[in-house]
Amino acid sequence: MKKLYALPLAAAALMLAACSSEKPGTPSAAPSSPAQSGSSSSQPSSSPATGGGDTASLDPCSLVTAADLASYGSFKAPVPGDDGGARTCTIPKDKATASEESLTVSVGIRDTQGLDSVADAGNGKTTGEVQGRKAVQVPTPPTNCLIALEAGAGSRVDVVIVSTDPAKACGIAEKVADIVVPKLPKG
């Protein structure tokens, strides 16, 4: 199984280089420890998910829930919406104190935009796979990380993490992508 991972050092190198628009290949590294980014037990799909079917009937709030994110703390109720051509579901962390880490998880379904339309935010794009499904990771420092998952030839599902701890954002995005992939249409 090929897995999309980003290391903080790789992200730092991308920020310093800031010249590449796309990096082909399949990055891999040791997974983050559960104490750093929570843990999720996800099983790879039994058949390769290299594409997908129709996403029009998919509800973004059905792809990840507050219960799925419990290892990161308590989350507020999901908020459905529309953002930049995507049907979205945003789940903000319920902060107990002002000093507590801020974290927002968002899943967006783009019915008419595929992986080829993922924009480089200035720090490069990394292509790879999550559980056999094509994916593109785009770090957007100082607070965001996007992992776009192929859902069909012309559609995708975006996992966006916004965190006050930017070093954790892409690690959390990888964990959430592992939760989302098995719920996507098979190709």
N, C-alpha and C. Protein backbone atom coordinates (compact mmCIF):
# COMPACT_ATOMS: atom_id res chain seq x y z
N MET A 1 0.85 -1.17 0.00
CA MET A 1 0.00 0.00 0.00
C MET A 1 0.89 1.24 0.00
N LYS A 2 0.64 2.13 -0.91
CA LYS A 2 1.36 3.39 -0.93
C LYS A 2 0.57 4.39 -0.11
N LYS A 3 1.26 5.21 0.63
CA LYS A 3 0.63 6.15 1.55
C LYS A 3 1.23 7.53 1.36
N LEU A 4 0.42 8.53 1.42
CA LEU A 4 0.85 9.91 1.28
C LEU A 4 1.23 10.43 2.65
N TYR A 5 2.47 10.82 2.83
CA TYR A 5 2.95 11.38 4.09
C TYR A 5 3.77 12.62 3.82
N ALA A 6 3.77 13.50 4.74
CA ALA A 6 4.65 14.67 4.67
C ALA A 6 5.36 14.80 6.00
N LEU A 7 6.63 15.05 5.97
CA LEU A 7 7.40 15.26 7.17
C LEU A 7 7.56 16.74 7.41
N PRO A 8 7.65 17.17 8.66
CA PRO A 8 7.88 18.59 8.91
C PRO A 8 9.13 19.10 8.20
N LEU A 9 10.19 18.28 8.14
CA LEU A 9 11.40 18.72 7.44
C LEU A 9 11.15 18.89 5.95
N ALA A 10 10.36 18.00 5.38
CA ALA A 10 10.04 18.13 3.96
C ALA A 10 9.23 19.39 3.72
N ALA A 11 8.31 19.69 4.64
CA ALA A 11 7.52 20.91 4.51
C ALA A 11 8.42 22.14 4.62
N ALA A 12 9.39 22.08 5.53
CA ALA A 12 10.33 23.20 5.66
C ALA A 12 11.15 23.36 4.40
N ALA A 13 11.57 22.25 3.81
CA ALA A 13 12.34 22.31 2.57
C ALA A 13 11.50 22.91 1.45
N LEU A 14 10.22 22.55 1.40
CA LEU A 14 9.33 23.12 0.40
C LEU A 14 9.19 24.62 0.58
N MET A 15 9.09 25.06 1.83
CA MET A 15 8.95 26.49 2.08
C MET A 15 10.21 27.22 1.66
N LEU A 16 11.39 26.62 1.92
CA LEU A 16 12.64 27.26 1.54
C LEU A 16 12.82 27.27 0.03
N ALA A 17 12.48 26.18 -0.62
CA ALA A 17 12.66 26.10 -2.07
C ALA A 17 11.64 26.99 -2.79
N ALA A 18 10.38 26.83 -2.46
CA ALA A 18 9.28 27.64 -3.01
C ALA A 18 9.38 27.88 -4.51
N CYS A 19 9.82 26.86 -5.26
CA CYS A 19 9.95 27.08 -6.69
C CYS A 19 9.27 26.01 -7.52
N SER A 20 8.98 24.88 -6.96
CA SER A 20 8.41 23.79 -7.72
C SER A 20 6.89 23.87 -7.70
N SER A 21 6.29 23.57 -8.85
CA SER A 21 4.83 23.57 -8.88
C SER A 21 4.26 22.18 -8.67
N GLU A 22 5.04 21.14 -8.92
CA GLU A 22 4.56 19.78 -8.69
C GLU A 22 5.73 18.86 -8.53
N LYS A 23 5.60 17.93 -7.58
CA LYS A 23 6.64 16.96 -7.32
C LYS A 23 6.06 15.57 -7.52
N PRO A 24 6.39 14.89 -8.62
CA PRO A 24 5.84 13.55 -8.84
C PRO A 24 6.46 12.55 -7.89
N GLY A 25 5.79 11.45 -7.70
CA GLY A 25 6.31 10.38 -6.86
C GLY A 25 5.37 10.08 -5.73
N THR A 26 5.79 9.17 -4.89
CA THR A 26 4.99 8.78 -3.76
C THR A 26 5.81 8.96 -2.50
N PRO A 27 5.62 10.06 -1.78
CA PRO A 27 6.38 10.28 -0.56
C PRO A 27 5.94 9.28 0.50
N SER A 28 6.88 8.88 1.35
CA SER A 28 6.52 8.00 2.45
C SER A 28 7.45 8.25 3.61
N ALA A 29 6.96 7.97 4.81
CA ALA A 29 7.74 8.14 6.03
C ALA A 29 7.05 7.35 7.12
N ALA A 30 7.70 7.32 8.27
CA ALA A 30 7.09 6.65 9.41
C ALA A 30 5.88 7.44 9.85
N PRO A 31 4.79 6.78 10.25
CA PRO A 31 3.60 7.50 10.69
C PRO A 31 3.90 8.30 11.95
N SER A 32 3.11 9.35 12.16
CA SER A 32 3.23 10.15 13.37
C SER A 32 2.82 9.31 14.56
N SER A 33 3.40 9.60 15.70
CA SER A 33 3.02 8.84 16.88
C SER A 33 1.64 9.28 17.33
N PRO A 34 0.86 8.38 17.93
CA PRO A 34 -0.49 8.73 18.35
C PRO A 34 -0.52 9.92 19.29
N ALA A 35 0.50 10.09 20.11
CA ALA A 35 0.50 11.21 21.05
C ALA A 35 0.61 12.53 20.32
N GLN A 36 1.22 12.54 19.13
CA GLN A 36 1.38 13.79 18.40
C GLN A 36 0.15 14.16 17.61
N SER A 37 -0.43 13.21 16.91
CA SER A 37 -1.54 13.59 16.03
C SER A 37 -2.76 12.71 16.17
N GLY A 38 -2.87 11.99 17.24
CA GLY A 38 -4.03 11.14 17.43
C GLY A 38 -3.85 9.87 16.65
N SER A 39 -4.75 8.95 16.83
CA SER A 39 -4.63 7.70 16.09
C SER A 39 -5.95 7.36 15.46
N SER A 40 -5.85 6.70 14.36
CA SER A 40 -7.05 6.20 13.72
C SER A 40 -6.72 4.83 13.19
N SER A 41 -7.61 3.92 13.40
CA SER A 41 -7.36 2.60 12.86
C SER A 41 -8.19 2.48 11.60
N SER A 42 -7.49 2.49 10.50
CA SER A 42 -8.20 2.41 9.22
C SER A 42 -7.69 1.19 8.47
N GLN A 43 -8.57 0.56 7.80
CA GLN A 43 -8.23 -0.61 7.03
C GLN A 43 -8.15 -0.23 5.57
N PRO A 44 -7.15 -0.74 4.85
CA PRO A 44 -7.11 -0.46 3.42
C PRO A 44 -8.30 -1.11 2.74
N SER A 45 -8.77 -0.49 1.69
CA SER A 45 -9.91 -1.06 0.98
C SER A 45 -9.50 -2.38 0.35
N SER A 46 -10.44 -3.28 0.21
CA SER A 46 -10.13 -4.61 -0.30
C SER A 46 -9.82 -4.59 -1.79
N SER A 47 -10.29 -3.59 -2.51
CA SER A 47 -9.96 -3.47 -3.92
C SER A 47 -9.40 -2.09 -4.17
N PRO A 48 -8.49 -1.96 -5.14
CA PRO A 48 -7.92 -0.65 -5.39
C PRO A 48 -8.99 0.36 -5.74
N ALA A 49 -8.86 1.54 -5.18
CA ALA A 49 -9.83 2.61 -5.42
C ALA A 49 -9.14 3.69 -6.23
N THR A 50 -8.90 3.44 -7.49
CA THR A 50 -8.14 4.38 -8.30
C THR A 50 -9.01 5.45 -8.92
N GLY A 51 -10.25 5.38 -8.75
CA GLY A 51 -11.13 6.40 -9.30
C GLY A 51 -12.32 6.52 -8.41
N GLY A 52 -13.45 6.54 -8.99
CA GLY A 52 -14.65 6.60 -8.18
C GLY A 52 -15.86 6.74 -9.06
N GLY A 53 -16.96 6.81 -8.43
CA GLY A 53 -18.19 6.94 -9.16
C GLY A 53 -18.75 8.33 -9.02
N ASP A 54 -20.05 8.40 -9.07
CA ASP A 54 -20.76 9.66 -9.01
C ASP A 54 -20.71 10.22 -7.59
N THR A 55 -20.34 11.50 -7.47
CA THR A 55 -20.27 12.13 -6.16
C THR A 55 -21.47 13.02 -5.86
N ALA A 56 -22.36 13.20 -6.84
CA ALA A 56 -23.48 14.12 -6.69
C ALA A 56 -24.38 13.77 -5.50
N SER A 57 -24.53 12.50 -5.19
CA SER A 57 -25.41 12.10 -4.10
C SER A 57 -24.66 11.98 -2.76
N LEU A 58 -23.37 12.23 -2.77
CA LEU A 58 -22.55 12.12 -1.56
C LEU A 58 -22.74 13.35 -0.67
N ASP A 59 -22.95 13.12 0.62
CA ASP A 59 -23.08 14.20 1.59
C ASP A 59 -21.73 14.38 2.28
N PRO A 60 -21.12 15.56 2.19
CA PRO A 60 -19.80 15.74 2.80
C PRO A 60 -19.80 15.49 4.31
N CYS A 61 -20.91 15.73 4.98
CA CYS A 61 -20.98 15.50 6.42
C CYS A 61 -21.08 14.02 6.77
N SER A 62 -21.28 13.16 5.77
CA SER A 62 -21.30 11.71 6.03
C SER A 62 -19.89 11.12 5.94
N LEU A 63 -18.93 11.90 5.49
CA LEU A 63 -17.58 11.38 5.27
C LEU A 63 -16.69 11.43 6.50
N VAL A 64 -16.97 12.34 7.42
CA VAL A 64 -16.23 12.42 8.68
C VAL A 64 -17.16 13.03 9.73
N THR A 65 -17.08 12.51 10.95
CA THR A 65 -17.95 12.98 12.03
C THR A 65 -17.10 13.43 13.22
N ALA A 66 -17.73 14.12 14.13
CA ALA A 66 -17.05 14.53 15.36
C ALA A 66 -16.53 13.30 16.11
N ALA A 67 -17.27 12.20 16.07
CA ALA A 67 -16.84 10.97 16.74
C ALA A 67 -15.56 10.42 16.10
N ASP A 68 -15.41 10.56 14.78
CA ASP A 68 -14.19 10.12 14.09
C ASP A 68 -12.97 10.91 14.57
N LEU A 69 -13.21 12.13 15.05
CA LEU A 69 -12.12 13.04 15.43
C LEU A 69 -11.88 13.08 16.94
N ALA A 70 -12.51 12.20 17.70
CA ALA A 70 -12.44 12.22 19.16
C ALA A 70 -11.02 12.19 19.71
N SER A 71 -10.09 11.59 19.00
CA SER A 71 -8.71 11.52 19.50
C SER A 71 -8.05 12.90 19.52
N TYR A 72 -8.65 13.89 18.86
CA TYR A 72 -8.11 15.25 18.84
C TYR A 72 -8.85 16.18 19.81
N GLY A 73 -9.85 15.67 20.51
CA GLY A 73 -10.61 16.47 21.45
C GLY A 73 -12.10 16.46 21.13
N SER A 74 -12.80 17.39 21.72
CA SER A 74 -14.24 17.51 21.52
C SER A 74 -14.51 18.49 20.37
N PHE A 75 -15.45 18.13 19.50
CA PHE A 75 -15.76 18.96 18.34
C PHE A 75 -17.21 19.41 18.37
N LYS A 76 -17.45 20.56 17.79
CA LYS A 76 -18.80 21.10 17.67
C LYS A 76 -19.56 20.34 16.58
N ALA A 77 -20.82 20.63 16.44
CA ALA A 77 -21.64 19.99 15.41
C ALA A 77 -21.15 20.40 14.02
N PRO A 78 -21.23 19.49 13.05
CA PRO A 78 -20.80 19.82 11.68
C PRO A 78 -21.68 20.91 11.07
N VAL A 79 -21.04 21.74 10.25
CA VAL A 79 -21.74 22.83 9.59
C VAL A 79 -21.65 22.64 8.08
N PRO A 80 -22.76 22.26 7.42
CA PRO A 80 -22.74 22.11 5.96
C PRO A 80 -22.69 23.49 5.30
N GLY A 81 -22.12 23.53 4.09
CA GLY A 81 -22.05 24.80 3.38
C GLY A 81 -21.58 24.62 1.95
N ASP A 82 -21.33 25.72 1.30
CA ASP A 82 -20.79 25.76 -0.05
C ASP A 82 -19.61 26.72 -0.02
N ASP A 83 -18.49 26.31 -0.63
CA ASP A 83 -17.31 27.16 -0.62
C ASP A 83 -16.51 26.96 -1.89
N GLY A 84 -16.45 27.97 -2.71
CA GLY A 84 -15.61 27.93 -3.91
C GLY A 84 -15.91 26.78 -4.85
N GLY A 85 -17.17 26.45 -5.05
CA GLY A 85 -17.54 25.38 -5.96
C GLY A 85 -17.59 24.01 -5.32
N ALA A 86 -17.43 23.94 -4.01
CA ALA A 86 -17.48 22.66 -3.30
C ALA A 86 -18.63 22.65 -2.31
N ARG A 87 -19.25 21.49 -2.19
CA ARG A 87 -20.22 21.26 -1.11
C ARG A 87 -19.38 20.85 0.09
N THR A 88 -19.49 21.58 1.20
CA THR A 88 -18.57 21.37 2.31
C THR A 88 -19.26 20.96 3.60
N CYS A 89 -18.44 20.43 4.50
CA CYS A 89 -18.84 20.15 5.87
C CYS A 89 -17.66 20.56 6.73
N THR A 90 -17.90 21.49 7.65
CA THR A 90 -16.84 22.01 8.51
C THR A 90 -17.14 21.60 9.95
N ILE A 91 -16.11 21.07 10.62
CA ILE A 91 -16.26 20.61 12.00
C ILE A 91 -15.17 21.29 12.84
N PRO A 92 -15.52 22.33 13.59
CA PRO A 92 -14.53 23.02 14.42
C PRO A 92 -14.37 22.34 15.78
N LYS A 93 -13.13 22.37 16.29
CA LYS A 93 -12.86 21.84 17.61
C LYS A 93 -13.49 22.76 18.64
N ASP A 94 -14.04 22.16 19.67
CA ASP A 94 -14.65 22.91 20.77
C ASP A 94 -13.54 23.23 21.77
N LYS A 95 -13.07 24.47 21.78
CA LYS A 95 -11.97 24.87 22.65
C LYS A 95 -12.48 25.17 24.05
N ALA A 96 -11.84 24.52 25.04
CA ALA A 96 -12.22 24.75 26.43
C ALA A 96 -11.62 26.05 26.95
N THR A 97 -10.41 26.40 26.47
CA THR A 97 -9.74 27.62 26.91
C THR A 97 -9.19 28.35 25.69
N ALA A 98 -8.91 29.62 25.85
CA ALA A 98 -8.36 30.42 24.75
C ALA A 98 -6.97 29.95 24.35
N SER A 99 -6.23 29.35 25.27
CA SER A 99 -4.87 28.90 24.95
C SER A 99 -4.83 27.52 24.30
N GLU A 100 -5.95 26.83 24.29
CA GLU A 100 -6.00 25.49 23.69
C GLU A 100 -5.83 25.57 22.18
N GLU A 101 -5.19 24.55 21.63
CA GLU A 101 -4.95 24.48 20.19
C GLU A 101 -6.27 24.59 19.42
N SER A 102 -6.25 25.43 18.39
CA SER A 102 -7.41 25.56 17.51
C SER A 102 -7.28 24.55 16.38
N LEU A 103 -8.38 23.91 16.02
CA LEU A 103 -8.37 22.92 14.96
C LEU A 103 -9.73 22.91 14.28
N THR A 104 -9.73 23.00 12.95
CA THR A 104 -10.96 22.90 12.17
C THR A 104 -10.73 21.89 11.05
N VAL A 105 -11.65 20.96 10.91
CA VAL A 105 -11.60 19.95 9.86
C VAL A 105 -12.71 20.26 8.88
N SER A 106 -12.36 20.27 7.60
CA SER A 106 -13.36 20.53 6.57
C SER A 106 -13.21 19.50 5.46
N VAL A 107 -14.35 19.01 4.97
CA VAL A 107 -14.37 18.09 3.84
C VAL A 107 -15.22 18.75 2.76
N GLY A 108 -14.67 18.82 1.55
CA GLY A 108 -15.39 19.43 0.44
C GLY A 108 -15.48 18.48 -0.74
N ILE A 109 -16.65 18.38 -1.33
CA ILE A 109 -16.85 17.54 -2.51
C ILE A 109 -16.93 18.45 -3.72
N ARG A 110 -16.06 18.21 -4.68
CA ARG A 110 -16.02 18.99 -5.93
C ARG A 110 -16.46 18.04 -7.05
N ASP A 111 -17.74 18.15 -7.42
CA ASP A 111 -18.33 17.25 -8.40
C ASP A 111 -17.77 17.44 -9.81
N THR A 112 -17.26 18.61 -10.12
CA THR A 112 -16.80 18.88 -11.49
C THR A 112 -15.35 19.35 -11.55
N GLN A 113 -14.59 19.09 -10.51
CA GLN A 113 -13.17 19.43 -10.50
C GLN A 113 -12.37 18.22 -10.06
N GLY A 114 -11.43 17.80 -10.90
CA GLY A 114 -10.59 16.66 -10.58
C GLY A 114 -9.27 17.07 -9.97
N LEU A 115 -8.39 16.10 -9.78
CA LEU A 115 -7.09 16.36 -9.18
C LEU A 115 -6.25 17.32 -10.01
N ASP A 116 -6.46 17.31 -11.33
CA ASP A 116 -5.67 18.19 -12.20
C ASP A 116 -5.94 19.67 -11.92
N SER A 117 -7.02 19.99 -11.23
CA SER A 117 -7.35 21.40 -10.95
C SER A 117 -6.90 21.85 -9.56
N VAL A 118 -6.19 20.98 -8.82
CA VAL A 118 -5.68 21.37 -7.51
C VAL A 118 -4.59 22.41 -7.70
N ALA A 119 -4.76 23.57 -7.07
CA ALA A 119 -3.81 24.67 -7.23
C ALA A 119 -2.67 24.56 -6.22
N ASP A 120 -1.47 24.91 -6.69
CA ASP A 120 -0.30 25.01 -5.82
C ASP A 120 -0.43 26.31 -5.04
N ALA A 121 -0.34 26.23 -3.74
CA ALA A 121 -0.48 27.42 -2.90
C ALA A 121 0.85 28.14 -2.71
N GLY A 122 1.86 27.78 -3.50
CA GLY A 122 3.15 28.42 -3.41
C GLY A 122 4.21 27.60 -2.70
N ASN A 123 3.82 26.46 -2.16
CA ASN A 123 4.76 25.60 -1.45
C ASN A 123 4.89 24.23 -2.09
N GLY A 124 4.42 24.10 -3.33
CA GLY A 124 4.52 22.85 -4.05
C GLY A 124 3.33 21.93 -3.80
N LYS A 125 3.21 20.94 -4.66
CA LYS A 125 2.19 19.90 -4.55
C LYS A 125 2.92 18.57 -4.52
N THR A 126 2.44 17.66 -3.72
CA THR A 126 3.00 16.32 -3.66
C THR A 126 1.92 15.34 -4.12
N THR A 127 2.22 14.55 -5.14
CA THR A 127 1.26 13.56 -5.61
C THR A 127 1.60 12.22 -4.98
N GLY A 128 0.57 11.42 -4.79
CA GLY A 128 0.75 10.10 -4.21
C GLY A 128 -0.57 9.37 -4.15
N GLU A 129 -0.70 8.49 -3.19
CA GLU A 129 -1.92 7.71 -3.02
C GLU A 129 -2.26 7.58 -1.54
N VAL A 130 -3.54 7.48 -1.27
CA VAL A 130 -4.04 7.17 0.06
C VAL A 130 -4.92 5.95 -0.11
N GLN A 131 -4.52 4.84 0.47
CA GLN A 131 -5.25 3.57 0.36
C GLN A 131 -5.56 3.22 -1.09
N GLY A 132 -4.59 3.43 -2.00
CA GLY A 132 -4.75 3.07 -3.40
C GLY A 132 -5.48 4.10 -4.24
N ARG A 133 -5.91 5.19 -3.64
CA ARG A 133 -6.63 6.24 -4.36
C ARG A 133 -5.66 7.39 -4.62
N LYS A 134 -5.65 7.90 -5.87
CA LYS A 134 -4.78 9.02 -6.21
C LYS A 134 -5.08 10.21 -5.31
N ALA A 135 -4.00 10.92 -4.92
CA ALA A 135 -4.15 12.05 -4.02
C ALA A 135 -3.09 13.11 -4.31
N VAL A 136 -3.40 14.33 -3.92
CA VAL A 136 -2.46 15.45 -4.02
C VAL A 136 -2.49 16.16 -2.67
N GLN A 137 -1.30 16.41 -2.12
CA GLN A 137 -1.19 17.14 -0.86
C GLN A 137 -0.61 18.52 -1.13
N VAL A 138 -1.24 19.54 -0.54
CA VAL A 138 -0.78 20.92 -0.71
C VAL A 138 -0.70 21.58 0.67
N PRO A 139 0.52 21.73 1.20
CA PRO A 139 0.65 22.47 2.45
C PRO A 139 0.48 23.97 2.18
N THR A 140 -0.23 24.64 3.06
CA THR A 140 -0.46 26.07 2.91
C THR A 140 -0.13 26.75 4.24
N PRO A 141 1.17 26.85 4.55
CA PRO A 141 1.54 27.50 5.81
C PRO A 141 1.02 28.93 5.86
N PRO A 142 0.70 29.47 6.99
CA PRO A 142 1.15 28.97 8.28
C PRO A 142 0.17 28.04 8.97
N THR A 143 -1.05 27.83 8.47
CA THR A 143 -2.01 27.06 9.27
C THR A 143 -2.73 25.93 8.56
N ASN A 144 -2.67 25.83 7.24
CA ASN A 144 -3.54 24.89 6.51
C ASN A 144 -2.77 23.76 5.84
N CYS A 145 -3.49 22.68 5.59
CA CYS A 145 -3.00 21.59 4.75
C CYS A 145 -4.21 21.00 4.03
N LEU A 146 -4.05 20.77 2.73
CA LEU A 146 -5.11 20.19 1.89
C LEU A 146 -4.62 18.85 1.36
N ILE A 147 -5.47 17.84 1.44
CA ILE A 147 -5.26 16.59 0.71
C ILE A 147 -6.49 16.40 -0.16
N ALA A 148 -6.27 16.41 -1.48
CA ALA A 148 -7.35 16.19 -2.44
C ALA A 148 -7.32 14.72 -2.86
N LEU A 149 -8.47 14.06 -2.80
CA LEU A 149 -8.60 12.64 -3.12
C LEU A 149 -9.41 12.49 -4.39
N GLU A 150 -8.90 11.69 -5.33
CA GLU A 150 -9.64 11.45 -6.56
C GLU A 150 -10.93 10.69 -6.23
N ALA A 151 -12.05 11.21 -6.70
CA ALA A 151 -13.33 10.55 -6.49
C ALA A 151 -13.90 10.03 -7.80
N GLY A 152 -13.41 10.53 -8.91
CA GLY A 152 -13.82 10.13 -10.24
C GLY A 152 -12.92 10.84 -11.25
N ALA A 153 -13.15 10.59 -12.52
CA ALA A 153 -12.31 11.19 -13.55
C ALA A 153 -12.34 12.71 -13.48
N GLY A 154 -13.45 13.28 -13.12
CA GLY A 154 -13.56 14.73 -13.07
C GLY A 154 -14.08 15.24 -11.74
N SER A 155 -13.87 14.48 -10.66
CA SER A 155 -14.35 14.92 -9.35
C SER A 155 -13.32 14.56 -8.28
N ARG A 156 -13.43 15.26 -7.15
CA ARG A 156 -12.50 14.99 -6.06
C ARG A 156 -13.15 15.36 -4.73
N VAL A 157 -12.54 14.87 -3.65
CA VAL A 157 -12.94 15.22 -2.30
C VAL A 157 -11.72 15.84 -1.63
N ASP A 158 -11.90 17.05 -1.09
CA ASP A 158 -10.83 17.77 -0.41
C ASP A 158 -10.96 17.61 1.09
N VAL A 159 -9.85 17.29 1.74
CA VAL A 159 -9.75 17.30 3.19
C VAL A 159 -8.87 18.49 3.54
N VAL A 160 -9.41 19.44 4.29
CA VAL A 160 -8.65 20.64 4.65
C VAL A 160 -8.58 20.72 6.17
N ILE A 161 -7.36 20.91 6.67
CA ILE A 161 -7.14 21.07 8.10
C ILE A 161 -6.61 22.47 8.34
N VAL A 162 -7.21 23.17 9.30
CA VAL A 162 -6.72 24.48 9.74
C VAL A 162 -6.38 24.31 11.22
N SER A 163 -5.12 24.60 11.56
CA SER A 163 -4.67 24.37 12.93
C SER A 163 -3.74 25.48 13.38
N THR A 164 -3.77 25.79 14.67
CA THR A 164 -2.80 26.74 15.20
C THR A 164 -1.43 26.09 15.34
N ASP A 165 -1.35 24.78 15.13
CA ASP A 165 -0.08 24.07 15.12
C ASP A 165 0.16 23.59 13.69
N PRO A 166 0.80 24.43 12.85
CA PRO A 166 0.95 24.08 11.43
C PRO A 166 1.76 22.80 11.19
N ALA A 167 2.63 22.43 12.10
CA ALA A 167 3.40 21.20 11.93
C ALA A 167 2.50 19.97 11.99
N LYS A 168 1.37 20.09 12.66
CA LYS A 168 0.44 18.96 12.78
C LYS A 168 -0.59 18.91 11.66
N ALA A 169 -0.81 20.02 10.96
CA ALA A 169 -1.92 20.11 10.01
C ALA A 169 -1.91 19.00 8.97
N CYS A 170 -0.77 18.75 8.31
CA CYS A 170 -0.74 17.72 7.27
C CYS A 170 -0.83 16.31 7.86
N GLY A 171 -0.29 16.10 9.05
CA GLY A 171 -0.42 14.79 9.70
C GLY A 171 -1.88 14.48 10.02
N ILE A 172 -2.59 15.48 10.50
CA ILE A 172 -4.02 15.29 10.79
C ILE A 172 -4.79 15.10 9.49
N ALA A 173 -4.43 15.84 8.44
CA ALA A 173 -5.09 15.68 7.14
C ALA A 173 -4.94 14.25 6.63
N GLU A 174 -3.77 13.65 6.83
CA GLU A 174 -3.54 12.26 6.41
C GLU A 174 -4.46 11.31 7.17
N LYS A 175 -4.59 11.52 8.48
CA LYS A 175 -5.47 10.66 9.30
C LYS A 175 -6.93 10.80 8.87
N VAL A 176 -7.36 12.03 8.59
CA VAL A 176 -8.74 12.26 8.17
C VAL A 176 -8.96 11.66 6.78
N ALA A 177 -7.98 11.77 5.88
CA ALA A 177 -8.09 11.16 4.55
C ALA A 177 -8.27 9.65 4.68
N ASP A 178 -7.59 9.02 5.64
CA ASP A 178 -7.76 7.59 5.88
C ASP A 178 -9.19 7.25 6.30
N ILE A 179 -9.84 8.16 6.99
CA ILE A 179 -11.23 7.95 7.41
C ILE A 179 -12.18 8.12 6.22
N VAL A 180 -11.87 9.09 5.34
CA VAL A 180 -12.75 9.45 4.23
C VAL A 180 -12.70 8.43 3.10
N VAL A 181 -11.51 7.95 2.74
CA VAL A 181 -11.35 7.09 1.53
C VAL A 181 -12.30 5.91 1.49
N PRO A 182 -12.46 5.12 2.54
CA PRO A 182 -13.36 3.97 2.44
C PRO A 182 -14.83 4.33 2.19
N LYS A 183 -15.18 5.59 2.42
CA LYS A 183 -16.56 6.03 2.25
C LYS A 183 -16.83 6.60 0.86
N LEU A 184 -15.79 6.67 0.02
CA LEU A 184 -15.93 7.23 -1.33
C LEU A 184 -16.42 6.16 -2.30
N PRO A 185 -17.06 6.56 -3.39
CA PRO A 185 -17.54 5.60 -4.39
C PRO A 185 -16.38 4.80 -4.98
N LYS A 186 -16.61 3.54 -5.22
CA LYS A 186 -15.60 2.68 -5.86
C LYS A 186 -15.64 2.89 -7.35
N GLY A 187 -14.48 2.80 -7.99
CA GLY A 187 -14.38 3.08 -9.42
C GLY A 187 -14.52 1.93 -10.30
